């Protein structure tokens, strides 16, 4: 079974990693290798306070653990290329399959980088007490298995939870809370690292060693100090946690090997729509908002909004270093609102054919997508704009810049929604498969390039209007109609280019987005 799954994973990897995606994965692999080497070298650090090295290594290990659990949600790769439901109709022993599925999930390059990055205790032991290597090496291996296994369990559990609408909503709410909290911690790292090294907050050092992510460093430090029995006890504790993960993994995977059932016809017939479309544009806009409410993938993309609102308004009031977020609140929120809506035809999937066969459907559908995004983004960006004046006493002399960049950003954002969805689409899993955060790594170099170009265009817009309004006075207010004109022009021009591209490249786009990754 293990050999079979390994051949399948290798075949999928070989077929997917070609062309631009191969270059992307090579770049990510280089970055992962550099991160692993940098984390490994922490084991060579020396400080005056005894035990500071182990505390810092524990902090690095905790960072790796958090990254492993949370990054797949951000990147949309949680769940992987293989899913238990794909094997539901095969006569396979569920338990045997679950064990093989878990074992083969470790045969990836990120796991190797993680093993390298968590190797700090080995260098720490070699430099301080070479005999402690006999504890450090198995501790690092067990730590890696625990971190990766826990991340796999969280991912497969989220996939199971997302089988119901309430479960999806709970998972998305948890992701918002976790994401906002982790970003606050990330911004506070410049304060946390010195506090850990100098033991300014002893409870923090105790916490880092108490959580399982820091047990390898703690076991190594105990072995260096000569407490071999305690060090071996830490190894047994790590092994016990791994056994618990293995025990919890099997029933979750076994339940997912049941063939997913669809919604009953009675439930489908019970749905009633109260809207009465008056024209093609209103029908298209209504469709987009209906999908935004019903499609868990679109709702998951929208979760960045409350998270960034919390960061923009709550962060500066409780922690130093968040002033940059407050100063760039409009551009940050515009990017956040755009990031999940640059692949709308990927979300539509095979349903794109309905647009292609409808007379003049491409133009009306793209206009509807643009108008729906502007309708969603305009009040949120206005809330950010007004909130800075109400809560943080932003001077009225900056109002001309805020209004001009506000109008321009809405138009450029609407253009980006259409252009990126047509020129750089990529397939995403069906709403009934996996969980709402997953794209299974189906994004490509074109989609990443479109994101970077969108960010660059928005940065240029805000920079230009900052220069235009720098002189102040009545001259600065001339930038407001200029911003409105730029936004309207970008909106119309982007819509025309997108609709023509959709009409000419429609079959190619359909061929791309209909393939479920």
Protein backbone atom coordinates (compact mmCIF):
# COMPACT_ATOMS: atom_id res chain seq x y z
CA UNK A 1 0.00 0.00 0.00
CA UNK A 2 2.80 2.42 0.86
CA UNK A 3 4.58 1.67 -2.41
CA UNK A 4 1.35 2.21 -4.37
CA UNK A 5 0.64 5.59 -2.77
CA UNK A 6 4.25 6.65 -3.24
CA UNK A 7 4.02 5.88 -6.96
CA UNK A 8 0.80 7.89 -7.18
CA UNK A 9 2.29 10.86 -5.35
CA UNK A 10 5.39 10.75 -7.54
CA UNK A 11 3.30 10.59 -10.72
CA UNK A 12 1.20 13.59 -9.60
CA UNK A 13 4.31 15.55 -8.66
CA UNK A 14 6.02 14.75 -11.95
CA UNK A 15 2.97 15.79 -13.99
CA UNK A 16 2.24 18.97 -12.02
CA UNK A 17 5.77 20.32 -11.71
CA UNK A 18 6.31 21.40 -15.29
CA UNK A 19 6.85 24.70 -17.04
CA UNK A 20 6.19 27.79 -14.98
CA UNK A 21 5.04 25.78 -11.99
CA UNK A 22 8.35 23.93 -11.94
CA UNK A 23 10.22 27.24 -11.77
CA UNK A 24 7.90 28.37 -8.97
CA UNK A 25 8.46 25.22 -6.94
CA UNK A 26 12.22 25.45 -7.46
CA UNK A 27 12.14 28.99 -6.08
CA UNK A 28 10.05 27.89 -3.11
CA UNK A 29 12.42 24.98 -2.56
CA UNK A 30 15.42 27.31 -2.47
CA UNK A 31 13.64 29.57 0.03
CA UNK A 32 12.72 26.56 2.16
CA UNK A 33 16.31 25.33 2.11
CA UNK A 34 17.62 28.76 3.15
CA UNK A 35 15.04 28.92 5.96
CA UNK A 36 16.13 25.48 7.15
CA UNK A 37 19.81 26.41 7.13
CA UNK A 38 19.14 29.67 8.95
CA UNK A 39 17.15 27.90 11.65
CA UNK A 40 19.80 25.20 11.97
CA UNK A 41 22.53 27.78 12.60
CA UNK A 42 20.65 29.07 15.65
CA UNK A 43 22.18 26.06 17.39
CA UNK A 44 25.59 27.78 17.14
CA UNK A 45 24.44 30.92 18.98
CA UNK A 46 26.08 31.71 22.33
CA UNK A 47 24.71 33.91 25.09
CA UNK A 48 25.82 34.88 28.57
CA UNK A 49 22.69 33.63 30.31
CA UNK A 50 22.71 29.84 30.88
CA UNK A 51 19.92 28.14 28.99
CA UNK A 52 19.29 31.07 26.64
CA UNK A 53 20.41 28.98 23.66
CA UNK A 54 17.83 26.27 24.40
CA UNK A 55 15.11 28.89 24.88
CA UNK A 56 15.89 30.47 21.51
CA UNK A 57 15.96 27.05 19.79
CA UNK A 58 12.57 26.29 21.37
CA UNK A 59 11.22 29.59 19.96
CA UNK A 60 12.48 28.66 16.48
CA UNK A 61 10.88 25.21 16.77
CA UNK A 62 7.58 26.76 17.85
CA UNK A 63 7.75 29.03 14.81
CA UNK A 64 8.20 26.02 12.52
CA UNK A 65 5.24 24.31 14.17
CA UNK A 66 2.95 27.31 13.75
CA UNK A 67 4.05 27.76 10.14
CA UNK A 68 3.32 24.12 9.37
CA UNK A 69 -0.18 24.34 10.83
CA UNK A 70 -1.22 27.72 9.46
CA UNK A 71 0.63 28.21 6.15
CA UNK A 72 -1.36 25.55 4.24
CA UNK A 73 -4.52 27.58 4.91
CA UNK A 74 -2.91 30.72 3.50
CA UNK A 75 -1.36 28.95 0.50
CA UNK A 76 -4.44 26.82 -0.11
CA UNK A 77 -2.41 23.60 -0.14
CA UNK A 78 -4.01 21.92 2.87
CA UNK A 79 -5.24 18.45 1.98
CA UNK A 80 -2.56 17.71 -0.59
CA UNK A 81 -2.99 16.25 -4.06
CA UNK A 82 -4.40 12.93 -2.82
CA UNK A 83 -7.63 12.70 -0.82
CA UNK A 84 -9.16 9.69 0.95
CA UNK A 85 -12.47 10.14 -0.92
CA UNK A 86 -10.66 9.35 -4.19
CA UNK A 87 -10.15 5.79 -2.92
CA UNK A 88 -13.65 5.32 -1.52
CA UNK A 89 -14.82 2.87 -4.21
CA UNK A 90 -11.71 0.69 -4.08
CA UNK A 91 -11.69 -2.49 -1.98
CA UNK A 92 -9.01 -1.24 0.43
CA UNK A 93 -8.77 -1.99 4.17
CA UNK A 94 -9.48 1.44 5.73
CA UNK A 95 -6.97 1.14 8.56
CA UNK A 96 -4.19 -0.09 6.30
CA UNK A 97 -4.90 2.72 3.87
CA UNK A 98 -4.95 5.33 6.66
CA UNK A 99 -1.52 4.24 7.93
CA UNK A 100 -0.06 4.23 4.42
CA UNK A 101 -1.65 7.60 3.67
CA UNK A 102 0.01 9.11 6.75
CA UNK A 103 3.42 7.56 6.12
CA UNK A 104 3.62 8.66 2.49
CA UNK A 105 2.62 12.21 3.39
CA UNK A 106 6.05 12.59 5.02
CA UNK A 107 7.92 11.95 1.75
CA UNK A 108 8.05 15.60 0.67
CA UNK A 109 10.73 18.25 0.34
CA UNK A 110 9.16 20.55 3.01
CA UNK A 111 9.51 17.75 5.55
CA UNK A 112 13.22 17.50 4.74
CA UNK A 113 13.60 21.27 5.14
CA UNK A 114 11.77 21.05 8.46
CA UNK A 115 14.07 18.30 9.69
CA UNK A 116 17.00 20.54 8.78
CA UNK A 117 15.47 23.61 10.41
CA UNK A 118 14.70 21.78 13.64
CA UNK A 119 18.26 20.43 13.85
CA UNK A 120 19.46 23.25 16.11
CA UNK A 121 19.62 20.99 19.20
CA UNK A 122 22.17 18.76 17.44
CA UNK A 123 24.59 21.66 16.84
CA UNK A 124 23.91 22.93 20.35
CA UNK A 125 24.83 19.52 21.78
CA UNK A 126 27.94 19.11 19.60
CA UNK A 127 29.20 22.52 20.67
CA UNK A 128 28.43 22.14 24.37
CA UNK A 129 28.45 18.45 25.33
CA UNK A 130 29.00 15.96 22.48
CA UNK A 131 27.58 13.04 24.47
CA UNK A 132 24.19 14.83 24.47
CA UNK A 133 23.97 14.13 20.73
CA UNK A 134 22.55 10.72 21.62
CA UNK A 135 19.50 12.58 22.94
CA UNK A 136 19.49 15.48 20.47
CA UNK A 137 19.34 13.40 17.29
CA UNK A 138 16.29 11.26 18.21
CA UNK A 139 14.68 14.35 19.78
CA UNK A 140 14.96 16.27 16.51
CA UNK A 141 13.57 13.34 14.51
CA UNK A 142 10.65 12.91 16.91
CA UNK A 143 10.06 16.68 16.93
CA UNK A 144 9.85 16.72 13.13
CA UNK A 145 7.44 13.78 13.07
CA UNK A 146 5.28 15.49 15.69
CA UNK A 147 5.18 18.87 13.89
CA UNK A 148 4.40 17.40 10.48
CA UNK A 149 1.99 14.80 11.87
CA UNK A 150 0.06 17.43 13.83
CA UNK A 151 -0.19 19.63 10.73
CA UNK A 152 -1.44 16.67 8.67
CA UNK A 153 -4.01 15.84 11.34
CA UNK A 154 -5.27 19.41 11.51
CA UNK A 155 -5.56 19.53 7.71
CA UNK A 156 -7.44 16.24 7.41
CA UNK A 157 -9.66 17.20 10.35
CA UNK A 158 -10.51 20.52 8.72
CA UNK A 159 -11.40 18.68 5.52
CA UNK A 160 -13.78 16.45 7.50
CA UNK A 161 -15.24 19.42 9.35
CA UNK A 162 -15.93 21.22 6.08
CA UNK A 163 -18.39 18.54 4.97
CA UNK A 164 -21.22 20.57 6.55
CA UNK A 165 -22.07 24.25 6.21
CA UNK A 166 -21.91 24.88 9.95
CA UNK A 167 -18.59 23.10 10.09
CA UNK A 168 -17.21 25.25 7.29
CA UNK A 169 -18.36 28.41 9.05
CA UNK A 170 -16.76 27.31 12.33
CA UNK A 171 -13.52 26.43 10.54
CA UNK A 172 -13.43 29.79 8.79
CA UNK A 173 -14.12 31.65 12.04
CA UNK A 174 -11.30 29.75 13.73
CA UNK A 175 -9.00 30.64 10.84
CA UNK A 176 -9.78 34.35 11.24
CA UNK A 177 -9.06 34.32 14.96
CA UNK A 178 -5.90 32.25 14.50
CA UNK A 179 -4.66 34.37 11.60
CA UNK A 180 -5.15 37.68 13.42
CA UNK A 181 -3.52 36.31 16.57
CA UNK A 182 -0.52 34.90 14.73
CA UNK A 183 0.01 38.12 12.81
CA UNK A 184 0.01 40.07 16.07
CA UNK A 185 2.62 37.66 17.43
CA UNK A 186 4.68 38.00 14.25
CA UNK A 187 4.70 41.78 14.54
CA UNK A 188 5.80 41.45 18.16
CA UNK A 189 8.77 39.19 17.33
CA UNK A 190 11.21 42.10 17.64
CA UNK A 191 10.10 42.26 21.27
CA UNK A 192 9.77 38.52 21.89
CA UNK A 193 13.26 37.45 20.77
CA UNK A 194 15.17 39.79 23.17
CA UNK A 195 12.74 38.89 25.95
CA UNK A 196 13.46 35.18 25.43
CA UNK A 197 17.24 35.66 25.29
CA UNK A 198 17.38 37.91 28.36
CA UNK A 199 14.59 36.10 30.26
CA UNK A 200 12.78 39.41 30.75
CA UNK A 201 9.51 37.47 30.95
CA UNK A 202 10.30 34.15 32.70
CA UNK A 203 6.79 32.85 32.02
CA UNK A 204 7.48 33.08 28.27
CA UNK A 205 10.61 30.94 28.55
CA UNK A 206 8.73 28.44 30.68
CA UNK A 207 5.90 28.34 28.14
CA UNK A 208 8.28 27.73 25.21
CA UNK A 209 9.75 24.72 26.97
CA UNK A 210 6.40 23.48 28.21
CA UNK A 211 4.65 23.29 24.82
CA UNK A 212 5.55 20.19 22.76
CA UNK A 213 7.24 22.29 20.06
CA UNK A 214 10.07 23.04 22.50
CA UNK A 215 10.58 19.57 23.95
CA UNK A 216 13.51 18.66 21.69
CA UNK A 217 15.45 21.72 22.83
CA UNK A 218 14.49 21.10 26.46
CA UNK A 219 15.49 17.42 26.29
CA UNK A 220 18.86 18.37 24.81
CA UNK A 221 19.42 20.99 27.50
CA UNK A 222 18.60 18.43 30.17
CA UNK A 223 21.08 15.97 28.65
CA UNK A 224 23.78 18.66 28.56
CA UNK A 225 23.12 19.37 32.24
CA UNK A 226 23.44 15.63 33.03
CA UNK A 227 19.76 14.94 33.72
CA UNK A 228 19.62 11.92 31.46
CA UNK A 229 16.51 10.36 32.99
CA UNK A 230 14.51 13.57 32.53
CA UNK A 231 15.82 13.91 28.98
CA UNK A 232 14.72 10.37 28.14
CA UNK A 233 11.36 11.16 29.70
CA UNK A 234 10.96 14.08 27.27
CA UNK A 235 11.70 11.72 24.37
CA UNK A 236 9.07 9.27 25.63
CA UNK A 237 6.59 12.15 25.94
CA UNK A 238 7.20 13.16 22.31
CA UNK A 239 6.80 9.56 21.20
CA UNK A 240 3.53 9.36 23.15
CA UNK A 241 2.16 12.45 21.39
CA UNK A 242 3.07 10.94 18.03
CA UNK A 243 1.19 7.79 19.02
CA UNK A 244 -1.86 9.90 19.92
CA UNK A 245 -1.71 11.62 16.52
CA UNK A 246 -1.52 8.24 14.79
CA UNK A 247 -4.45 6.96 16.84
CA UNK A 248 -6.56 10.04 16.00
CA UNK A 249 -5.60 9.93 12.32
CA UNK A 250 -7.12 6.55 11.49
CA UNK A 251 -10.81 7.18 12.29
CA UNK A 252 -10.79 10.57 10.55
CA UNK A 253 -9.37 9.11 7.33
CA UNK A 254 -11.64 6.08 7.57
CA UNK A 255 -14.74 8.29 7.71
CA UNK A 256 -13.52 10.24 4.67
CA UNK A 257 -13.26 7.05 2.65
CA UNK A 258 -17.05 7.12 2.38
CA UNK A 259 -18.23 8.34 -1.01
CA UNK A 260 -19.42 11.97 -0.55
CA UNK A 261 -23.16 12.33 -1.01
CA UNK A 262 -24.72 15.31 -2.66
CA UNK A 263 -27.52 17.49 -1.46
CA UNK A 264 -30.90 15.87 -1.79
CA UNK A 265 -33.28 16.94 -4.49
CA UNK A 266 -35.89 17.91 -1.92
CA UNK A 267 -33.45 20.24 -0.21
CA UNK A 268 -32.50 21.74 -3.51
CA UNK A 269 -36.15 22.29 -4.47
CA UNK A 270 -36.88 23.91 -1.13
CA UNK A 271 -34.59 26.80 -1.95
CA UNK A 272 -36.40 29.87 -3.14
CA UNK A 273 -34.94 32.99 -4.57
CA UNK A 274 -36.77 36.20 -3.93
CA UNK A 275 -34.77 38.29 -6.36
CA UNK A 276 -36.22 39.30 -9.68
CA UNK A 277 -33.49 40.27 -12.13
CA UNK A 278 -34.41 43.30 -14.22
CA UNK A 279 -31.56 43.02 -16.71
CA UNK A 280 -28.31 41.23 -17.61
CA UNK A 281 -26.15 43.38 -15.31
CA UNK A 282 -28.41 43.04 -12.26
CA UNK A 283 -28.70 39.30 -12.89
CA UNK A 284 -24.92 38.97 -13.05
CA UNK A 285 -24.39 41.04 -9.91
CA UNK A 286 -27.08 39.05 -8.10
CA UNK A 287 -25.39 35.83 -9.13
CA UNK A 288 -22.03 37.00 -7.73
CA UNK A 289 -23.49 37.96 -4.36
CA UNK A 290 -25.48 34.73 -4.17
CA UNK A 291 -22.28 32.78 -4.82
CA UNK A 292 -20.42 34.88 -2.27
CA UNK A 293 -22.97 33.85 0.34
CA UNK A 294 -23.36 30.19 -0.65
CA UNK A 295 -19.90 29.22 -1.90
CA UNK A 296 -17.63 28.41 1.08
CA UNK A 297 -14.52 29.03 -1.03
CA UNK A 298 -15.58 32.61 -1.73
CA UNK A 299 -16.47 33.14 1.92
CA UNK A 300 -13.06 31.81 2.90
CA UNK A 301 -11.42 34.32 0.56
CA UNK A 302 -13.41 37.10 2.23
CA UNK A 303 -12.14 36.19 5.71
CA UNK A 304 -9.08 38.39 5.28
CA UNK A 305 -11.36 41.43 5.68
CA UNK A 306 -12.20 41.10 9.41
CA UNK A 307 -8.65 39.93 10.11
CA UNK A 308 -7.05 42.98 8.52
CA UNK A 309 -9.67 45.32 10.02
CA UNK A 310 -8.61 44.06 13.44
CA UNK A 311 -4.94 44.54 12.60
CA UNK A 312 -5.44 48.04 11.21
CA UNK A 313 -7.56 49.39 14.07
CA UNK A 314 -6.68 47.24 17.09
CA UNK A 315 -2.98 46.71 16.45
CA UNK A 316 -1.79 50.35 16.78
CA UNK A 317 -3.66 50.77 20.05
CA UNK A 318 -2.02 47.82 21.83
CA UNK A 319 1.41 47.43 20.30
CA UNK A 320 4.22 49.52 18.90
CA UNK A 321 5.18 48.89 15.30
CA UNK A 322 1.64 48.91 13.90
CA UNK A 323 1.72 52.57 12.85
CA UNK A 324 2.80 51.48 9.39
CA UNK A 325 -0.44 49.51 9.09
CA UNK A 326 -2.42 52.58 10.08
CA UNK A 327 -0.61 54.79 7.56
CA UNK A 328 -1.13 52.31 4.74
CA UNK A 329 -4.58 51.15 5.80
CA UNK A 330 -6.27 51.88 2.46
CA UNK A 331 -3.72 50.11 0.29
CA UNK A 332 -3.52 47.18 2.72
CA UNK A 333 -7.28 46.68 2.74
CA UNK A 334 -7.49 47.06 -1.05
CA UNK A 335 -4.90 44.34 -1.51
CA UNK A 336 -6.69 42.17 1.06
CA UNK A 337 -10.00 42.59 -0.75
CA UNK A 338 -8.43 41.79 -4.11
CA UNK A 339 -6.32 38.81 -3.07
CA UNK A 340 -9.26 36.42 -2.92
CA UNK A 341 -11.05 37.68 -6.04
CA UNK A 342 -8.41 37.47 -8.75
CA UNK A 343 -9.52 33.99 -9.85
CA UNK A 344 -13.30 34.24 -10.10
CA UNK A 345 -13.51 32.01 -13.17
CA UNK A 346 -11.48 29.42 -11.31
CA UNK A 347 -14.22 29.48 -8.64
CA UNK A 348 -16.89 29.20 -11.36
CA UNK A 349 -15.16 26.12 -12.78
CA UNK A 350 -17.13 24.14 -15.39
CA UNK A 351 -20.02 26.63 -15.08
CA UNK A 352 -18.03 28.99 -17.30
CA UNK A 353 -19.57 27.26 -20.31
CA UNK A 354 -22.89 28.92 -19.51
CA UNK A 355 -21.27 32.33 -19.90
CA UNK A 356 -19.60 31.34 -23.15
CA UNK A 357 -22.74 30.06 -24.87
CA UNK A 358 -24.95 32.98 -23.76
CA UNK A 359 -25.18 35.77 -26.36
CA UNK A 360 -23.12 38.73 -25.13
CA UNK A 361 -22.64 36.76 -21.91
CA UNK A 362 -18.92 37.49 -21.53
CA UNK A 363 -19.41 41.26 -21.39
CA UNK A 364 -22.32 41.16 -18.95
CA UNK A 365 -20.68 38.55 -16.71
CA UNK A 366 -17.44 40.50 -16.42
CA UNK A 367 -19.28 43.75 -15.76
CA UNK A 368 -21.26 41.97 -13.07
CA UNK A 369 -18.11 40.62 -11.43
CA UNK A 370 -16.50 44.06 -11.47
CA UNK A 371 -19.61 45.82 -10.17
CA UNK A 372 -20.09 43.23 -7.42
CA UNK A 373 -16.50 43.69 -6.24
CA UNK A 374 -16.81 47.47 -6.19
CA UNK A 375 -20.12 47.21 -4.32
CA UNK A 376 -18.42 45.01 -1.74
CA UNK A 377 -15.15 46.96 -1.50
CA UNK A 378 -16.45 50.54 -1.50
CA UNK A 379 -18.12 50.53 1.95
CA UNK A 380 -15.29 48.53 3.54
CA UNK A 381 -12.63 50.92 2.25
CA UNK A 382 -14.79 53.89 3.28
CA UNK A 383 -15.01 52.38 6.77
CA UNK A 384 -11.23 52.20 6.91
CA UNK A 385 -10.91 55.76 5.64
CA UNK A 386 -13.42 57.22 8.11
CA UNK A 387 -12.17 55.07 10.99
CA UNK A 388 -8.72 56.61 10.87
CA UNK A 389 -10.18 60.08 11.26
CA UNK A 390 -12.55 59.11 14.06
CA UNK A 391 -10.29 56.81 16.09
CA UNK A 392 -6.80 58.12 15.42
CA UNK A 393 -7.33 61.86 14.71
CA UNK A 394 -5.97 61.87 11.18
CA UNK A 395 -5.66 65.49 10.06
CA UNK A 396 -8.11 66.86 7.51
CA UNK A 397 -5.19 68.01 5.36
CA UNK A 398 -4.83 64.36 4.28
CA UNK A 399 -8.46 64.09 3.12
CA UNK A 400 -7.70 65.07 -0.48
CA UNK A 401 -5.13 62.28 -0.75
CA UNK A 402 -7.44 59.73 0.87
CA UNK A 403 -10.40 60.53 -1.38
CA UNK A 404 -8.42 60.64 -4.62
CA UNK A 405 -6.60 57.38 -3.90
CA UNK A 406 -9.89 55.82 -2.72
CA UNK A 407 -11.63 56.42 -6.05
CA UNK A 408 -8.59 55.40 -8.08
CA UNK A 409 -8.07 52.20 -6.06
CA UNK A 410 -11.67 51.11 -6.59
CA UNK A 411 -11.34 51.45 -10.36
CA UNK A 412 -7.92 49.80 -10.56
CA UNK A 413 -9.18 46.99 -8.31
CA UNK A 414 -12.21 46.40 -10.54
CA UNK A 415 -9.90 46.24 -13.57
CA UNK A 416 -7.61 43.77 -11.78
CA UNK A 417 -10.54 41.50 -10.87
CA UNK A 418 -11.53 41.14 -14.52
CA UNK A 419 -8.08 41.00 -16.07
CA UNK A 420 -6.59 38.49 -13.64
CA UNK A 421 -9.67 36.22 -13.69
CA UNK A 422 -9.47 36.00 -17.47
CA UNK A 423 -5.74 36.16 -18.19
CA UNK A 424 -4.44 34.10 -15.26
CA UNK A 425 -7.10 31.59 -14.16
CA UNK A 426 -6.30 28.36 -12.36
CA UNK A 427 -8.52 25.47 -11.21
CA UNK A 428 -9.61 25.10 -7.61
CA UNK A 429 -11.30 22.14 -5.90
CA UNK A 430 -15.07 21.88 -6.03
CA UNK A 431 -16.99 23.38 -3.13
CA UNK A 432 -18.15 19.84 -2.25
CA UNK A 433 -14.61 18.46 -2.06
CA UNK A 434 -12.00 19.08 0.59
CA UNK A 435 -12.23 22.25 2.62
CA UNK A 436 -12.91 25.88 1.62
CA UNK A 437 -9.31 27.00 2.14
CA UNK A 438 -7.75 24.47 -0.20
CA UNK A 439 -6.49 25.10 -3.72
CA UNK A 440 -4.12 22.11 -3.42
CA UNK A 441 -1.34 24.23 -4.85
CA UNK A 442 -3.09 24.61 -8.22
CA UNK A 443 -2.06 28.24 -8.59
CA UNK A 444 0.55 28.87 -11.25
CA UNK A 445 3.23 31.38 -12.15
CA UNK A 446 0.77 33.47 -14.18
CA UNK A 447 -1.56 33.84 -11.20
CA UNK A 448 1.29 34.86 -8.91
CA UNK A 449 2.54 37.30 -11.53
CA UNK A 450 -0.95 38.83 -11.77
CA UNK A 451 -1.03 39.25 -7.99
CA UNK A 452 2.36 40.98 -7.97
CA UNK A 453 1.37 43.21 -10.88
CA UNK A 454 -1.85 44.15 -9.10
CA UNK A 455 0.06 45.07 -5.96
CA UNK A 456 2.53 47.08 -8.04
CA UNK A 457 -0.30 48.93 -9.81
CA UNK A 458 -1.96 49.82 -6.52
CA UNK A 459 1.34 50.93 -5.03
CA UNK A 460 1.90 53.16 -8.06
CA UNK A 461 -1.59 54.67 -7.71
CA UNK A 462 -1.14 55.54 -4.05
CA UNK A 463 2.37 56.88 -4.66
CA UNK A 464 1.30 59.10 -7.55
CA UNK A 465 -1.59 60.64 -5.62
CA UNK A 466 0.63 61.13 -2.59
CA UNK A 467 2.92 63.22 -4.83
CA UNK A 468 0.02 65.10 -6.40
CA UNK A 469 -1.40 66.10 -3.04
CA UNK A 470 1.92 66.76 -1.31
CA UNK A 471 1.73 70.53 -1.88
CA UNK A 472 -1.53 70.80 0.05
CA UNK A 473 -4.05 73.60 -0.23
CA UNK A 474 -6.71 73.90 -2.91
CA UNK A 475 -4.34 72.46 -5.54
CA UNK A 476 -4.36 69.12 -3.71
CA UNK A 477 -8.14 68.93 -4.06
CA UNK A 478 -7.76 68.84 -7.84
CA UNK A 479 -6.45 65.31 -7.37
CA UNK A 480 -9.92 64.13 -6.26
CA UNK A 481 -11.59 64.43 -9.70
CA UNK A 482 -8.37 63.12 -11.26
CA UNK A 483 -8.57 60.06 -9.00
CA UNK A 484 -12.22 59.53 -9.91
CA UNK A 485 -11.35 59.80 -13.61
CA UNK A 486 -8.42 57.40 -13.30
CA UNK A 487 -10.57 54.90 -11.42
CA UNK A 488 -13.43 55.09 -13.91
CA UNK A 489 -11.07 54.81 -16.88
CA UNK A 490 -9.26 51.80 -15.40
CA UNK A 491 -12.59 50.13 -14.66
CA UNK A 492 -13.97 50.59 -18.18
CA UNK A 493 -10.70 49.77 -19.98
CA UNK A 494 -10.06 46.70 -17.85
CA UNK A 495 -13.59 45.48 -18.45
CA UNK A 496 -13.31 45.86 -22.22
CA UNK A 497 -9.97 44.08 -22.43
CA UNK A 498 -11.21 41.30 -20.14
CA UNK A 499 -14.46 40.74 -22.04
CA UNK A 500 -12.66 40.58 -25.38
CA UNK A 501 -10.13 38.15 -23.94
CA UNK A 502 -12.91 36.00 -22.51
CA UNK A 503 -14.70 35.90 -25.87
CA UNK A 504 -11.52 34.97 -27.74
CA UNK A 505 -9.98 32.64 -25.14
CA UNK A 506 -13.18 31.21 -23.66
CA UNK A 507 -12.59 27.56 -24.59
CA UNK A 508 -9.00 27.68 -23.31
CA UNK A 509 -10.14 29.21 -20.01
CA UNK A 510 -12.84 26.56 -19.65
CA UNK A 511 -10.29 23.81 -20.31
CA UNK A 512 -8.10 25.19 -17.50
CA UNK A 513 -10.70 25.78 -14.79
CA UNK A 514 -12.77 22.63 -15.37
CA UNK A 515 -9.89 20.38 -14.26
CA UNK A 516 -10.22 19.84 -10.54
CA UNK A 517 -6.76 19.67 -8.91
